[in-house]
């Protein structure tokens, strides 16, 4: 039987919205969304978005339960999930660049890429 959407599901909806906003912010920081708000949908972008939302929902929920933050407001819990989405993508980026170094990419090229990414973030 399908239950209609009720007010009881609102807290979950707020957390999902925070996870999606965090994923979009993470895509902006990674340079996939440019300074004018344009995005080119590729398989890589879809995977980054999916990983970011998954890290946010699962990691954020696990952290909230582990630290026993359930008594805080749903907006606070949503903020925790937003932070997990952003820093989760940061960790994925570090992991990706580490693999690139192991594959033989020169360190100076890696530094140039990171500089360009930071310039794009703070433009």
Protein backbone atom coordinates (compact mmCIF):
# COMPACT_ATOMS: atom_id res chain seq x y z
CA UNK A 1 0.00 0.00 0.00
CA UNK A 2 1.40 3.41 -0.92
CA UNK A 3 1.25 5.94 1.86
CA UNK A 4 0.90 9.57 0.84
CA UNK A 5 3.72 11.93 1.69
CA UNK A 6 3.02 13.36 5.12
CA UNK A 7 4.50 15.95 7.42
CA UNK A 8 6.33 13.12 9.21
CA UNK A 9 8.66 12.72 6.22
CA UNK A 10 9.63 16.43 6.25
CA UNK A 11 12.81 15.93 8.36
CA UNK A 12 14.10 13.34 5.90
CA UNK A 13 13.29 15.68 3.02
CA UNK A 14 15.29 18.49 4.69
CA UNK A 15 18.28 16.18 5.08
CA UNK A 16 18.07 15.06 1.44
CA UNK A 17 17.90 18.69 0.29
CA UNK A 18 20.99 19.48 2.39
CA UNK A 19 22.80 16.50 0.84
CA UNK A 20 21.92 17.64 -2.70
CA UNK A 21 22.95 21.25 -1.98
CA UNK A 22 26.23 19.97 -0.54
CA UNK A 23 26.80 17.85 -3.64
CA UNK A 24 26.15 20.84 -5.92
CA UNK A 25 28.53 22.96 -3.83
CA UNK A 26 31.14 20.19 -4.05
CA UNK A 27 30.75 20.12 -7.85
CA UNK A 28 31.31 23.88 -7.88
CA UNK A 29 34.46 23.49 -5.81
CA UNK A 30 35.73 20.71 -8.06
CA UNK A 31 35.31 22.94 -11.12
CA UNK A 32 32.56 20.88 -12.76
CA UNK A 33 30.19 23.84 -12.42
CA UNK A 34 31.89 26.95 -13.77
CA UNK A 35 31.69 30.48 -12.41
CA UNK A 36 28.68 31.24 -14.62
CA UNK A 37 26.74 28.24 -13.30
CA UNK A 38 27.10 26.05 -16.38
CA UNK A 39 27.63 22.33 -16.05
CA UNK A 40 28.50 19.76 -18.66
CA UNK A 41 26.80 16.50 -17.74
CA UNK A 42 29.21 13.61 -18.16
CA UNK A 43 29.46 10.20 -16.58
CA UNK A 44 32.18 11.53 -14.27
CA UNK A 45 29.98 14.39 -13.06
CA UNK A 46 27.08 12.01 -12.44
CA UNK A 47 29.37 9.70 -10.48
CA UNK A 48 30.79 12.59 -8.41
CA UNK A 49 27.28 13.83 -7.64
CA UNK A 50 26.10 10.34 -6.66
CA UNK A 51 29.14 9.70 -4.46
CA UNK A 52 28.78 13.08 -2.79
CA UNK A 53 25.11 12.52 -1.97
CA UNK A 54 25.81 8.97 -0.76
CA UNK A 55 28.68 10.13 1.46
CA UNK A 56 26.46 12.87 2.80
CA UNK A 57 23.46 10.69 3.57
CA UNK A 58 25.25 7.62 4.89
CA UNK A 59 28.30 9.27 6.44
CA UNK A 60 26.31 12.13 7.92
CA UNK A 61 23.68 9.78 9.37
CA UNK A 62 26.35 7.51 10.83
CA UNK A 63 28.16 10.50 12.36
CA UNK A 64 24.92 11.87 13.82
CA UNK A 65 24.16 8.51 15.43
CA UNK A 66 27.77 7.94 16.57
CA UNK A 67 28.02 11.37 18.20
CA UNK A 68 24.43 11.09 19.49
CA UNK A 69 23.30 14.32 17.83
CA UNK A 70 19.71 13.15 17.30
CA UNK A 71 18.38 15.63 19.85
CA UNK A 72 19.57 18.60 17.75
CA UNK A 73 17.26 20.19 15.18
CA UNK A 74 16.80 18.75 11.72
CA UNK A 75 18.47 21.80 10.23
CA UNK A 76 21.57 21.15 12.34
CA UNK A 77 21.58 17.54 11.22
CA UNK A 78 21.18 18.74 7.62
CA UNK A 79 24.19 21.01 8.07
CA UNK A 80 26.24 18.02 9.27
CA UNK A 81 25.21 16.18 6.11
CA UNK A 82 26.11 19.18 3.95
CA UNK A 83 29.59 19.25 5.52
CA UNK A 84 29.98 15.53 4.85
CA UNK A 85 29.08 16.05 1.17
CA UNK A 86 31.68 18.80 0.74
CA UNK A 87 34.53 17.18 2.66
CA UNK A 88 33.69 13.77 1.22
CA UNK A 89 34.29 15.16 -2.25
CA UNK A 90 37.51 16.74 -1.00
CA UNK A 91 38.72 13.32 0.16
CA UNK A 92 37.71 11.76 -3.16
CA UNK A 93 39.70 14.50 -4.96
CA UNK A 94 42.77 13.82 -2.82
CA UNK A 95 42.44 10.11 -3.51
CA UNK A 96 42.09 10.75 -7.26
CA UNK A 97 45.18 12.98 -7.36
CA UNK A 98 47.15 10.40 -5.36
CA UNK A 99 46.32 7.75 -7.94
CA UNK A 100 47.39 10.14 -10.70
CA UNK A 101 50.76 10.54 -8.98
CA UNK A 102 51.14 6.77 -8.69
CA UNK A 103 50.40 6.41 -12.41
CA UNK A 104 53.36 8.65 -13.18
CA UNK A 105 51.86 12.10 -13.53
CA UNK A 106 54.56 14.72 -12.83
CA UNK A 107 54.21 16.61 -9.58
CA UNK A 108 54.46 20.00 -11.29
CA UNK A 109 51.41 19.22 -13.50
CA UNK A 110 49.48 18.21 -10.42
CA UNK A 111 50.40 21.46 -8.65
CA UNK A 112 49.32 23.48 -11.70
CA UNK A 113 45.94 21.67 -11.74
CA UNK A 114 45.40 22.36 -8.05
CA UNK A 115 46.33 26.05 -8.49
CA UNK A 116 43.84 26.40 -11.36
CA UNK A 117 41.14 24.72 -9.27
CA UNK A 118 41.73 27.11 -6.37
CA UNK A 119 41.70 30.11 -8.72
CA UNK A 120 38.38 28.93 -10.14
CA UNK A 121 36.95 28.49 -6.62
CA UNK A 122 37.85 31.95 -5.39
CA UNK A 123 37.21 33.86 -8.62
